């Protein structure tokens, strides 16, 4: 582990990752220092599907991986990339992980 970026008291709905103080520094200034973005739960990481799509594009552009500890996002596999793209392309406006499940679902 290279570092940790917290986001306490920052709305994931209102402030995209790249504009959050701690996380934005990693994305904008420290890309060579890491190769994986690991997050606990999708709904704590990103709340808006367009932001997820932006993060997937960013990871693929910079050769980084996006992995959900308690979910199925993993850009290292074709299935993981496909599933992540499908989720990000959904017409719904947000994501959440239901209780008792590691699979993210859509919320409208």
PDB file of N, CA and C in Angstrom:
ATOM      1  N   UNK A   1       0.849  -1.164   0.000  1.00  0.00           N
ATOM      2  CA  UNK A   1       0.000   0.000   0.000  1.00  0.00           C
ATOM      3  C   UNK A   1       0.899   1.231   0.000  1.00  0.00           C
ATOM      4  N   UNK A   2       0.571   2.143  -0.872  1.00  0.00           N
ATOM      5  CA  UNK A   2       1.333   3.380  -1.002  1.00  0.00           C
ATOM      6  C   UNK A   2       0.728   4.474  -0.139  1.00  0.00           C
ATOM      7  N   UNK A   3      -0.592   4.525  -0.066  1.00  0.00           N
ATOM      8  CA  UNK A   3      -1.240   5.578   0.708  1.00  0.00           C
ATOM      9  C   UNK A   3      -2.728   5.389   0.794  1.00  0.00           C
ATOM     10  N   UNK A   4      -3.346   6.279   1.533  1.00  0.00           N
ATOM     11  CA  UNK A   4      -4.784   6.245   1.756  1.00  0.00           C
ATOM     12  C   UNK A   4      -5.348   7.639   1.508  1.00  0.00           C
ATOM     13  N   UNK A   5      -6.495   7.680   0.880  1.00  0.00           N
ATOM     14  CA  UNK A   5      -7.194   8.951   0.691  1.00  0.00           C
ATOM     15  C   UNK A   5      -8.557   8.826   1.342  1.00  0.00           C
ATOM     16  N   UNK A   6      -8.822   9.675   2.294  1.00  0.00           N
ATOM     17  CA  UNK A   6     -10.107   9.664   2.966  1.00  0.00           C
ATOM     18  C   UNK A   6     -11.012  10.743   2.399  1.00  0.00           C
ATOM     19  N   UNK A   7     -12.267  10.605   2.708  1.00  0.00           N
ATOM     20  CA  UNK A   7     -13.227  11.587   2.228  1.00  0.00           C
ATOM     21  C   UNK A   7     -14.322  11.847   3.238  1.00  0.00           C
ATOM     22  N   UNK A   8     -13.970  11.864   4.510  1.00  0.00           N
ATOM     23  CA  UNK A   8     -14.979  12.118   5.528  1.00  0.00           C
ATOM     24  C   UNK A   8     -15.582  13.501   5.345  1.00  0.00           C
ATOM     25  N   UNK A   9     -16.868  13.569   5.527  1.00  0.00           N
ATOM     26  CA  UNK A   9     -17.607  14.834   5.411  1.00  0.00           C
ATOM     27  C   UNK A   9     -17.542  15.441   4.020  1.00  0.00           C
ATOM     28  N   UNK A  10     -17.322  14.608   2.999  1.00  0.00           N
ATOM     29  CA  UNK A  10     -17.347  15.060   1.613  1.00  0.00           C
ATOM     30  C   UNK A  10     -18.422  14.261   0.895  1.00  0.00           C
ATOM     31  N   UNK A  11     -19.360  14.952   0.275  1.00  0.00           N
ATOM     32  CA  UNK A  11     -20.448  14.290  -0.422  1.00  0.00           C
ATOM     33  C   UNK A  11     -19.966  13.693  -1.739  1.00  0.00           C
ATOM     34  N   UNK A  12     -20.086  12.381  -1.875  1.00  0.00           N
ATOM     35  CA  UNK A  12     -19.708  11.713  -3.117  1.00  0.00           C
ATOM     36  C   UNK A  12     -20.668  12.074  -4.240  1.00  0.00           C
ATOM     37  N   UNK A  13     -21.856  12.539  -3.901  1.00  0.00           N
ATOM     38  CA  UNK A  13     -22.830  12.958  -4.905  1.00  0.00           C
ATOM     39  C   UNK A  13     -22.471  14.326  -5.466  1.00  0.00           C
ATOM     40  N   UNK A  14     -21.989  15.204  -4.617  1.00  0.00           N
ATOM     41  CA  UNK A  14     -21.733  16.590  -5.021  1.00  0.00           C
ATOM     42  C   UNK A  14     -20.303  16.861  -5.469  1.00  0.00           C
ATOM     43  N   UNK A  15     -19.344  16.072  -4.969  1.00  0.00           N
ATOM     44  CA  UNK A  15     -17.936  16.338  -5.268  1.00  0.00           C
ATOM     45  C   UNK A  15     -17.312  15.102  -5.918  1.00  0.00           C
ATOM     46  N   UNK A  16     -16.978  15.179  -7.223  1.00  0.00           N
ATOM     47  CA  UNK A  16     -16.355  14.026  -7.866  1.00  0.00           C
ATOM     48  C   UNK A  16     -14.971  13.739  -7.284  1.00  0.00           C
ATOM     49  N   UNK A  17     -14.522  12.513  -7.440  1.00  0.00           N
ATOM     50  CA  UNK A  17     -13.253  12.074  -6.853  1.00  0.00           C
ATOM     51  C   UNK A  17     -12.087  13.003  -7.167  1.00  0.00           C
ATOM     52  N   UNK A  18     -11.960  13.392  -8.409  1.00  0.00           N
ATOM     53  CA  UNK A  18     -10.809  14.188  -8.834  1.00  0.00           C
ATOM     54  C   UNK A  18     -10.832  15.601  -8.266  1.00  0.00           C
ATOM     55  N   UNK A  19     -11.943  16.003  -7.636  1.00  0.00           N
ATOM     56  CA  UNK A  19     -12.012  17.318  -7.001  1.00  0.00           C
ATOM     57  C   UNK A  19     -11.975  17.253  -5.474  1.00  0.00           C
ATOM     58  N   UNK A  20     -11.930  16.044  -4.938  1.00  0.00           N
ATOM     59  CA  UNK A  20     -11.822  15.896  -3.488  1.00  0.00           C
ATOM     60  C   UNK A  20     -10.378  16.152  -3.071  1.00  0.00           C
ATOM     61  N   UNK A  21     -10.186  16.778  -1.941  1.00  0.00           N
ATOM     62  CA  UNK A  21      -8.862  17.219  -1.533  1.00  0.00           C
ATOM     63  C   UNK A  21      -7.825  16.095  -1.540  1.00  0.00           C
ATOM     64  N   UNK A  22      -8.028  15.058  -0.757  1.00  0.00           N
ATOM     65  CA  UNK A  22      -7.034  13.994  -0.654  1.00  0.00           C
ATOM     66  C   UNK A  22      -6.986  13.120  -1.905  1.00  0.00           C
ATOM     67  N   UNK A  23      -8.133  12.696  -2.375  1.00  0.00           N
ATOM     68  CA  UNK A  23      -8.164  11.789  -3.521  1.00  0.00           C
ATOM     69  C   UNK A  23      -7.727  12.495  -4.791  1.00  0.00           C
ATOM     70  N   UNK A  24      -8.137  13.745  -4.944  1.00  0.00           N
ATOM     71  CA  UNK A  24      -7.750  14.519  -6.118  1.00  0.00           C
ATOM     72  C   UNK A  24      -6.251  14.649  -6.257  1.00  0.00           C
ATOM     73  N   UNK A  25      -5.541  14.764  -5.139  1.00  0.00           N
ATOM     74  CA  UNK A  25      -4.086  14.852  -5.181  1.00  0.00           C
ATOM     75  C   UNK A  25      -3.488  13.584  -5.790  1.00  0.00           C
ATOM     76  N   UNK A  26      -4.001  12.427  -5.405  1.00  0.00           N
ATOM     77  CA  UNK A  26      -3.515  11.159  -5.971  1.00  0.00           C
ATOM     78  C   UNK A  26      -3.796  11.092  -7.468  1.00  0.00           C
ATOM     79  N   UNK A  27      -4.993  11.456  -7.880  1.00  0.00           N
ATOM     80  CA  UNK A  27      -5.378  11.348  -9.286  1.00  0.00           C
ATOM     81  C   UNK A  27      -4.680  12.378 -10.172  1.00  0.00           C
ATOM     82  N   UNK A  28      -4.471  13.551  -9.648  1.00  0.00           N
ATOM     83  CA  UNK A  28      -3.929  14.642 -10.456  1.00  0.00           C
ATOM     84  C   UNK A  28      -2.415  14.786 -10.386  1.00  0.00           C
ATOM     85  N   UNK A  29      -1.793  14.352  -9.288  1.00  0.00           N
ATOM     86  CA  UNK A  29      -0.374  14.647  -9.093  1.00  0.00           C
ATOM     87  C   UNK A  29       0.512  13.442  -8.794  1.00  0.00           C
ATOM     88  N   UNK A  30      -0.068  12.294  -8.453  1.00  0.00           N
ATOM     89  CA  UNK A  30       0.751  11.191  -7.948  1.00  0.00           C
ATOM     90  C   UNK A  30       0.534   9.867  -8.679  1.00  0.00           C
ATOM     91  N   UNK A  31       0.095   9.930  -9.902  1.00  0.00           N
ATOM     92  CA  UNK A  31      -0.226   8.724 -10.672  1.00  0.00           C
ATOM     93  C   UNK A  31       0.921   7.719 -10.725  1.00  0.00           C
ATOM     94  N   UNK A  32       2.173   8.132 -10.927  1.00  0.00           N
ATOM     95  CA  UNK A  32       3.255   7.138 -11.013  1.00  0.00           C
ATOM     96  C   UNK A  32       3.508   6.368  -9.716  1.00  0.00           C
ATOM     97  N   UNK A  33       2.956   6.819  -8.617  1.00  0.00           N
ATOM     98  CA  UNK A  33       3.230   6.197  -7.325  1.00  0.00           C
ATOM     99  C   UNK A  33       2.381   4.956  -7.031  1.00  0.00           C
ATOM    100  N   UNK A  34       1.365   4.688  -7.823  1.00  0.00           N
ATOM    101  CA  UNK A  34       0.476   3.560  -7.533  1.00  0.00           C
ATOM    102  C   UNK A  34      -0.004   2.919  -8.826  1.00  0.00           C
ATOM    103  N   UNK A  35      -0.568   1.720  -8.720  1.00  0.00           N
ATOM    104  CA  UNK A  35      -1.117   1.052  -9.894  1.00  0.00           C
ATOM    105  C   UNK A  35      -2.523   0.496  -9.676  1.00  0.00           C
ATOM    106  N   UNK A  36      -3.046   0.631  -8.460  1.00  0.00           N
ATOM    107  CA  UNK A  36      -4.386   0.143  -8.148  1.00  0.00           C
ATOM    108  C   UNK A  36      -5.101   1.148  -7.250  1.00  0.00           C
ATOM    109  N   UNK A  37      -6.355   1.392  -7.562  1.00  0.00           N
ATOM    110  CA  UNK A  37      -7.237   2.150  -6.677  1.00  0.00           C
ATOM    111  C   UNK A  37      -8.182   1.135  -6.056  1.00  0.00           C
ATOM    112  N   UNK A  38      -8.011   0.859  -4.798  1.00  0.00           N
ATOM    113  CA  UNK A  38      -8.835  -0.108  -4.086  1.00  0.00           C
ATOM    114  C   UNK A  38      -9.805   0.649  -3.192  1.00  0.00           C
ATOM    115  N   UNK A  39     -11.064   0.314  -3.290  1.00  0.00           N
ATOM    116  CA  UNK A  39     -12.063   0.955  -2.439  1.00  0.00           C
ATOM    117  C   UNK A  39     -12.932  -0.116  -1.814  1.00  0.00           C
ATOM    118  N   UNK A  40     -13.531   0.228  -0.681  1.00  0.00           N
ATOM    119  CA  UNK A  40     -14.293  -0.734   0.101  1.00  0.00           C
ATOM    120  C   UNK A  40     -15.608  -1.094  -0.564  1.00  0.00           C
ATOM    121  N   UNK A  41     -16.442  -0.091  -0.850  1.00  0.00           N
ATOM    122  CA  UNK A  41     -17.759  -0.313  -1.435  1.00  0.00           C
ATOM    123  C   UNK A  41     -18.001   0.725  -2.516  1.00  0.00           C
ATOM    124  N   UNK A  42     -18.604   0.300  -3.589  1.00  0.00           N
ATOM    125  CA  UNK A  42     -18.851   1.184  -4.715  1.00  0.00           C
ATOM    126  C   UNK A  42     -19.639   2.430  -4.314  1.00  0.00           C
ATOM    127  N   UNK A  43     -20.673   2.261  -3.502  1.00  0.00           N
ATOM    128  CA  UNK A  43     -21.505   3.411  -3.152  1.00  0.00           C
ATOM    129  C   UNK A  43     -20.820   4.387  -2.195  1.00  0.00           C
ATOM    130  N   UNK A  44     -19.692   4.008  -1.633  1.00  0.00           N
ATOM    131  CA  UNK A  44     -18.905   4.928  -0.806  1.00  0.00           C
ATOM    132  C   UNK A  44     -17.849   5.625  -1.654  1.00  0.00           C
ATOM    133  N   UNK A  45     -17.529   5.034  -2.777  1.00  0.00           N
ATOM    134  CA  UNK A  45     -16.490   5.535  -3.672  1.00  0.00           C
ATOM    135  C   UNK A  45     -17.062   6.545  -4.670  1.00  0.00           C
ATOM    136  N   UNK A  46     -18.145   6.151  -5.323  1.00  0.00           N
ATOM    137  CA  UNK A  46     -18.775   6.976  -6.356  1.00  0.00           C
ATOM    138  C   UNK A  46     -20.283   6.834  -6.233  1.00  0.00           C
ATOM    139  N   UNK A  47     -20.984   7.946  -6.367  1.00  0.00           N
ATOM    140  CA  UNK A  47     -22.446   7.904  -6.284  1.00  0.00           C
ATOM    141  C   UNK A  47     -23.133   8.089  -7.631  1.00  0.00           C
ATOM    142  N   UNK A  48     -22.418   8.667  -8.594  1.00  0.00           N
ATOM    143  CA  UNK A  48     -23.031   8.940  -9.895  1.00  0.00           C
ATOM    144  C   UNK A  48     -22.373   8.082 -10.974  1.00  0.00           C
ATOM    145  N   UNK A  49     -23.195   7.434 -11.788  1.00  0.00           N
ATOM    146  CA  UNK A  49     -22.667   6.557 -12.826  1.00  0.00           C
ATOM    147  C   UNK A  49     -21.783   7.283 -13.842  1.00  0.00           C
ATOM    148  N   UNK A  50     -22.078   8.521 -14.224  1.00  0.00           N
ATOM    149  CA  UNK A  50     -21.143   9.212 -15.125  1.00  0.00           C
ATOM    150  C   UNK A  50     -19.749   9.372 -14.496  1.00  0.00           C
ATOM    151  N   UNK A  51     -19.687   9.549 -13.178  1.00  0.00           N
ATOM    152  CA  UNK A  51     -18.391   9.631 -12.505  1.00  0.00           C
ATOM    153  C   UNK A  51     -17.667   8.287 -12.547  1.00  0.00           C
ATOM    154  N   UNK A  52     -18.418   7.189 -12.444  1.00  0.00           N
ATOM    155  CA  UNK A  52     -17.813   5.863 -12.557  1.00  0.00           C
ATOM    156  C   UNK A  52     -17.227   5.683 -13.952  1.00  0.00           C
ATOM    157  N   UNK A  53     -17.968   6.079 -14.961  1.00  0.00           N
ATOM    158  CA  UNK A  53     -17.479   5.976 -16.330  1.00  0.00           C
ATOM    159  C   UNK A  53     -16.202   6.794 -16.514  1.00  0.00           C
ATOM    160  N   UNK A  54     -16.173   7.987 -15.951  1.00  0.00           N
ATOM    161  CA  UNK A  54     -14.982   8.838 -16.022  1.00  0.00           C
ATOM    162  C   UNK A  54     -13.801   8.166 -15.340  1.00  0.00           C
ATOM    163  N   UNK A  55     -14.028   7.541 -14.176  1.00  0.00           N
ATOM    164  CA  UNK A  55     -12.940   6.867 -13.457  1.00  0.00           C
ATOM    165  C   UNK A  55     -12.434   5.642 -14.226  1.00  0.00           C
ATOM    166  N   UNK A  56     -13.339   4.894 -14.855  1.00  0.00           N
ATOM    167  CA  UNK A  56     -12.923   3.749 -15.662  1.00  0.00           C
ATOM    168  C   UNK A  56     -12.045   4.234 -16.810  1.00  0.00           C
ATOM    169  N   UNK A  57     -12.493   5.275 -17.518  1.00  0.00           N
ATOM    170  CA  UNK A  57     -11.702   5.833 -18.615  1.00  0.00           C
ATOM    171  C   UNK A  57     -10.341   6.305 -18.118  1.00  0.00           C
ATOM    172  N   UNK A  58     -10.316   6.982 -16.975  1.00  0.00           N
ATOM    173  CA  UNK A  58      -9.064   7.484 -16.399  1.00  0.00           C
ATOM    174  C   UNK A  58      -8.115   6.325 -16.106  1.00  0.00           C
ATOM    175  N   UNK A  59      -8.628   5.275 -15.471  1.00  0.00           N
ATOM    176  CA  UNK A  59      -7.803   4.113 -15.131  1.00  0.00           C
ATOM    177  C   UNK A  59      -7.232   3.453 -16.377  1.00  0.00           C
ATOM    178  N   UNK A  60      -8.053   3.272 -17.384  1.00  0.00           N
ATOM    179  CA  UNK A  60      -7.582   2.639 -18.602  1.00  0.00           C
ATOM    180  C   UNK A  60      -6.558   3.517 -19.319  1.00  0.00           C
ATOM    181  N   UNK A  61      -6.747   4.822 -19.311  1.00  0.00           N
ATOM    182  CA  UNK A  61      -5.817   5.749 -19.949  1.00  0.00           C
ATOM    183  C   UNK A  61      -4.448   5.725 -19.271  1.00  0.00           C
ATOM    184  N   UNK A  62      -4.429   5.651 -17.939  1.00  0.00           N
ATOM    185  CA  UNK A  62      -3.178   5.713 -17.188  1.00  0.00           C
ATOM    186  C   UNK A  62      -2.633   4.339 -16.778  1.00  0.00           C
ATOM    187  N   UNK A  63      -3.307   3.276 -17.194  1.00  0.00           N
ATOM    188  CA  UNK A  63      -2.838   1.936 -16.866  1.00  0.00           C
ATOM    189  C   UNK A  63      -3.021   1.567 -15.402  1.00  0.00           C
ATOM    190  N   UNK A  64      -4.004   2.158 -14.778  1.00  0.00           N
ATOM    191  CA  UNK A  64      -4.301   1.876 -13.372  1.00  0.00           C
ATOM    192  C   UNK A  64      -5.449   0.871 -13.299  1.00  0.00           C
ATOM    193  N   UNK A  65      -5.580   0.203 -12.163  1.00  0.00           N
ATOM    194  CA  UNK A  65      -6.678  -0.729 -11.969  1.00  0.00           C
ATOM    195  C   UNK A  65      -7.623  -0.174 -10.914  1.00  0.00           C
ATOM    196  N   UNK A  66      -8.878  -0.490 -11.061  1.00  0.00           N
ATOM    197  CA  UNK A  66      -9.923  -0.067 -10.143  1.00  0.00           C
ATOM    198  C   UNK A  66     -10.529  -1.333  -9.566  1.00  0.00           C
ATOM    199  N   UNK A  67     -10.410  -1.526  -8.255  1.00  0.00           N
ATOM    200  CA  UNK A  67     -10.897  -2.757  -7.635  1.00  0.00           C
ATOM    201  C   UNK A  67     -11.776  -2.427  -6.438  1.00  0.00           C
ATOM    202  N   UNK A  68     -12.946  -3.052  -6.409  1.00  0.00           N
ATOM    203  CA  UNK A  68     -13.852  -2.952  -5.281  1.00  0.00           C
ATOM    204  C   UNK A  68     -13.614  -4.145  -4.362  1.00  0.00           C
ATOM    205  N   UNK A  69     -13.254  -3.886  -3.124  1.00  0.00           N
ATOM    206  CA  UNK A  69     -13.011  -4.956  -2.150  1.00  0.00           C
ATOM    207  C   UNK A  69     -14.250  -5.808  -1.947  1.00  0.00           C
ATOM    208  N   UNK A  70     -15.399  -5.178  -1.872  1.00  0.00           N
ATOM    209  CA  UNK A  70     -16.655  -5.880  -1.616  1.00  0.00           C
ATOM    210  C   UNK A  70     -17.590  -5.798  -2.810  1.00  0.00           C
ATOM    211  N   UNK A  71     -17.069  -6.002  -3.987  1.00  0.00           N
ATOM    212  CA  UNK A  71     -17.891  -5.937  -5.177  1.00  0.00           C
ATOM    213  C   UNK A  71     -17.210  -6.639  -6.328  1.00  0.00           C
ATOM    214  N   UNK A  72     -17.670  -6.368  -7.525  1.00  0.00           N
ATOM    215  CA  UNK A  72     -17.146  -7.103  -8.666  1.00  0.00           C
ATOM    216  C   UNK A  72     -16.437  -6.215  -9.675  1.00  0.00           C
ATOM    217  N   UNK A  73     -16.079  -5.013  -9.312  1.00  0.00           N
ATOM    218  CA  UNK A  73     -15.322  -4.179 -10.235  1.00  0.00           C
ATOM    219  C   UNK A  73     -13.852  -4.554 -10.131  1.00  0.00           C
ATOM    220  N   UNK A  74     -13.285  -4.919 -11.264  1.00  0.00           N
ATOM    221  CA  UNK A  74     -11.859  -5.238 -11.360  1.00  0.00           C
ATOM    222  C   UNK A  74     -11.489  -5.092 -12.832  1.00  0.00           C
ATOM    223  N   UNK A  75     -10.741  -4.059 -13.160  1.00  0.00           N
ATOM    224  CA  UNK A  75     -10.427  -3.766 -14.550  1.00  0.00           C
ATOM    225  C   UNK A  75      -9.306  -4.629 -15.121  1.00  0.00           C
ATOM    226  N   UNK A  76      -8.792  -5.592 -14.355  1.00  0.00           N
ATOM    227  CA  UNK A  76      -7.710  -6.442 -14.860  1.00  0.00           C
ATOM    228  C   UNK A  76      -8.218  -7.604 -15.710  1.00  0.00           C
ATOM    229  N   UNK A  77      -9.532  -7.847 -15.664  1.00  0.00           N
ATOM    230  CA  UNK A  77     -10.070  -8.964 -16.434  1.00  0.00           C
ATOM    231  C   UNK A  77     -11.053  -8.450 -17.484  1.00  0.00           C
ATOM    232  N   UNK A  78     -11.176  -9.140 -18.606  1.00  0.00           N
ATOM    233  CA  UNK A  78     -12.160  -8.736 -19.610  1.00  0.00           C
ATOM    234  C   UNK A  78     -13.583  -8.699 -19.030  1.00  0.00           C
ATOM    235  N   UNK A  79     -13.923  -9.683 -18.209  1.00  0.00           N
ATOM    236  CA  UNK A  79     -15.266  -9.718 -17.606  1.00  0.00           C
ATOM    237  C   UNK A  79     -15.460  -8.532 -16.668  1.00  0.00           C
ATOM    238  N   UNK A  80     -14.446  -8.211 -15.895  1.00  0.00           N
ATOM    239  CA  UNK A  80     -14.536  -7.072 -14.982  1.00  0.00           C
ATOM    240  C   UNK A  80     -14.681  -5.755 -15.720  1.00  0.00           C
ATOM    241  N   UNK A  81     -13.931  -5.587 -16.815  1.00  0.00           N
ATOM    242  CA  UNK A  81     -14.044  -4.364 -17.620  1.00  0.00           C
ATOM    243  C   UNK A  81     -15.426  -4.273 -18.252  1.00  0.00           C
ATOM    244  N   UNK A  82     -15.907  -5.398 -18.774  1.00  0.00           N
ATOM    245  CA  UNK A  82     -17.222  -5.424 -19.414  1.00  0.00           C
ATOM    246  C   UNK A  82     -18.325  -5.102 -18.417  1.00  0.00           C
ATOM    247  N   UNK A  83     -18.273  -5.737 -17.251  1.00  0.00           N
ATOM    248  CA  UNK A  83     -19.287  -5.486 -16.230  1.00  0.00           C
ATOM    249  C   UNK A  83     -19.249  -4.034 -15.780  1.00  0.00           C
ATOM    250  N   UNK A  84     -18.057  -3.499 -15.576  1.00  0.00           N
ATOM    251  CA  UNK A  84     -17.915  -2.118 -15.121  1.00  0.00           C
ATOM    252  C   UNK A  84     -18.454  -1.147 -16.161  1.00  0.00           C
ATOM    253  N   UNK A  85     -18.149  -1.398 -17.426  1.00  0.00           N
ATOM    254  CA  UNK A  85     -18.656  -0.554 -18.514  1.00  0.00           C
ATOM    255  C   UNK A  85     -20.177  -0.622 -18.594  1.00  0.00           C
ATOM    256  N   UNK A  86     -20.729  -1.824 -18.426  1.00  0.00           N
ATOM    257  CA  UNK A  86     -22.186  -1.979 -18.464  1.00  0.00           C
ATOM    258  C   UNK A  86     -22.842  -1.189 -17.344  1.00  0.00           C
ATOM    259  N   UNK A  87     -22.282  -1.272 -16.166  1.00  0.00           N
ATOM    260  CA  UNK A  87     -22.820  -0.529 -15.033  1.00  0.00           C
ATOM    261  C   UNK A  87     -22.723   0.971 -15.282  1.00  0.00           C
ATOM    262  N   UNK A  88     -21.575   1.432 -15.759  1.00  0.00           N
ATOM    263  CA  UNK A  88     -21.360   2.861 -15.980  1.00  0.00           C
ATOM    264  C   UNK A  88     -22.241   3.404 -17.096  1.00  0.00           C
ATOM    265  N   UNK A  89     -22.650   2.560 -18.031  1.00  0.00           N
ATOM    266  CA  UNK A  89     -23.483   2.995 -19.152  1.00  0.00           C
ATOM    267  C   UNK A  89     -24.969   2.959 -18.830  1.00  0.00           C
ATOM    268  N   UNK A  90     -25.315   2.498 -17.645  1.00  0.00           N
ATOM    269  CA  UNK A  90     -26.714   2.395 -17.250  1.00  0.00           C
ATOM    270  C   UNK A  90     -27.379   3.765 -17.253  1.00  0.00           C
ATOM    271  N   UNK A  91     -28.649   3.837 -17.635  1.00  0.00           N
ATOM    272  CA  UNK A  91     -29.343   5.122 -17.641  1.00  0.00           C
ATOM    273  C   UNK A  91     -29.722   5.633 -16.248  1.00  0.00           C
ATOM    274  N   UNK A  92     -29.530   4.823 -15.234  1.00  0.00           N
ATOM    275  CA  UNK A  92     -29.858   5.264 -13.877  1.00  0.00           C
ATOM    276  C   UNK A  92     -28.855   6.298 -13.412  1.00  0.00           C
ATOM    277  N   UNK A  93     -29.196   7.047 -12.359  1.00  0.00           N
ATOM    278  CA  UNK A  93     -28.351   8.172 -11.944  1.00  0.00           C
ATOM    279  C   UNK A  93     -27.377   7.861 -10.828  1.00  0.00           C
ATOM    280  N   UNK A  94     -27.501   6.726 -10.155  1.00  0.00           N
ATOM    281  CA  UNK A  94     -26.604   6.457  -9.039  1.00  0.00           C
ATOM    282  C   UNK A  94     -26.393   4.982  -8.826  1.00  0.00           C
ATOM    283  N   UNK A  95     -25.482   4.650  -7.933  1.00  0.00           N
ATOM    284  CA  UNK A  95     -25.209   3.251  -7.620  1.00  0.00           C
ATOM    285  C   UNK A  95     -25.239   3.046  -6.125  1.00  0.00           C
ATOM    286  N   UNK A  96     -25.553   1.835  -5.733  1.00  0.00           N
ATOM    287  CA  UNK A  96     -25.494   1.465  -4.329  1.00  0.00           C
ATOM    288  C   UNK A  96     -25.298  -0.032  -4.257  1.00  0.00           C
ATOM    289  N   UNK A  97     -24.800  -0.495  -3.138  1.00  0.00           N
ATOM    290  CA  UNK A  97     -24.675  -1.922  -2.901  1.00  0.00           C
ATOM    291  C   UNK A  97     -25.711  -2.302  -1.861  1.00  0.00           C
ATOM    292  N   UNK A  98     -26.616  -3.211  -2.183  1.00  0.00           N
ATOM    293  CA  UNK A  98     -27.661  -3.574  -1.236  1.00  0.00           C
ATOM    294  C   UNK A  98     -27.100  -4.335  -0.042  1.00  0.00           C
ATOM    295  N   UNK A  99     -27.828  -4.289   1.054  1.00  0.00           N
ATOM    296  CA  UNK A  99     -27.417  -5.014   2.261  1.00  0.00           C
ATOM    297  C   UNK A  99     -27.301  -6.496   1.969  1.00  0.00           C
ATOM    298  N   UNK A 100     -26.225  -7.087   2.472  1.00  0.00           N
ATOM    299  CA  UNK A 100     -26.046  -8.522   2.334  1.00  0.00           C
ATOM    300  C   UNK A 100     -25.557  -8.968   0.976  1.00  0.00           C
ATOM    301  N   UNK A 101     -25.226  -8.035   0.101  1.00  0.00           N
ATOM    302  CA  UNK A 101     -24.751  -8.395  -1.225  1.00  0.00           C
ATOM    303  C   UNK A 101     -23.505  -7.606  -1.566  1.00  0.00           C
ATOM    304  N   UNK A 102     -22.603  -8.242  -2.270  1.00  0.00           N
ATOM    305  CA  UNK A 102     -21.392  -7.542  -2.705  1.00  0.00           C
ATOM    306  C   UNK A 102     -21.575  -6.958  -4.101  1.00  0.00           C
ATOM    307  N   UNK A 103     -22.708  -7.239  -4.737  1.00  0.00           N
ATOM    308  CA  UNK A 103     -22.944  -6.749  -6.092  1.00  0.00           C
ATOM    309  C   UNK A 103     -23.575  -5.364  -6.056  1.00  0.00           C
ATOM    310  N   UNK A 104     -22.977  -4.373  -6.731  1.00  0.00           N
ATOM    311  CA  UNK A 104     -23.588  -3.061  -6.822  1.00  0.00           C
ATOM    312  C   UNK A 104     -24.882  -3.131  -7.619  1.00  0.00           C
ATOM    313  N   UNK A 105     -25.829  -2.292  -7.286  1.00  0.00           N
ATOM    314  CA  UNK A 105     -27.050  -2.179  -8.042  1.00  0.00           C
ATOM    315  C   UNK A 105     -27.283  -0.714  -8.370  1.00  0.00           C
ATOM    316  N   UNK A 106     -28.266  -0.476  -9.201  1.00  0.00           N
ATOM    317  CA  UNK A 106     -28.557   0.894  -9.608  1.00  0.00           C
ATOM    318  C   UNK A 106     -29.652   1.464  -8.739  1.00  0.00           C
ATOM    319  N   UNK A 107     -29.546   2.762  -8.470  1.00  0.00           N
ATOM    320  CA  UNK A 107     -30.624   3.438  -7.765  1.00  0.00           C
ATOM    321  C   UNK A 107     -31.031   4.644  -8.578  1.00  0.00           C
ATOM    322  N   UNK A 108     -32.310   4.925  -8.646  1.00  0.00           N
ATOM    323  CA  UNK A 108     -32.794   6.009  -9.491  1.00  0.00           C
ATOM    324  C   UNK A 108     -33.027   7.266  -8.737  1.00  0.00           C
TER     325      UNK A 108
END
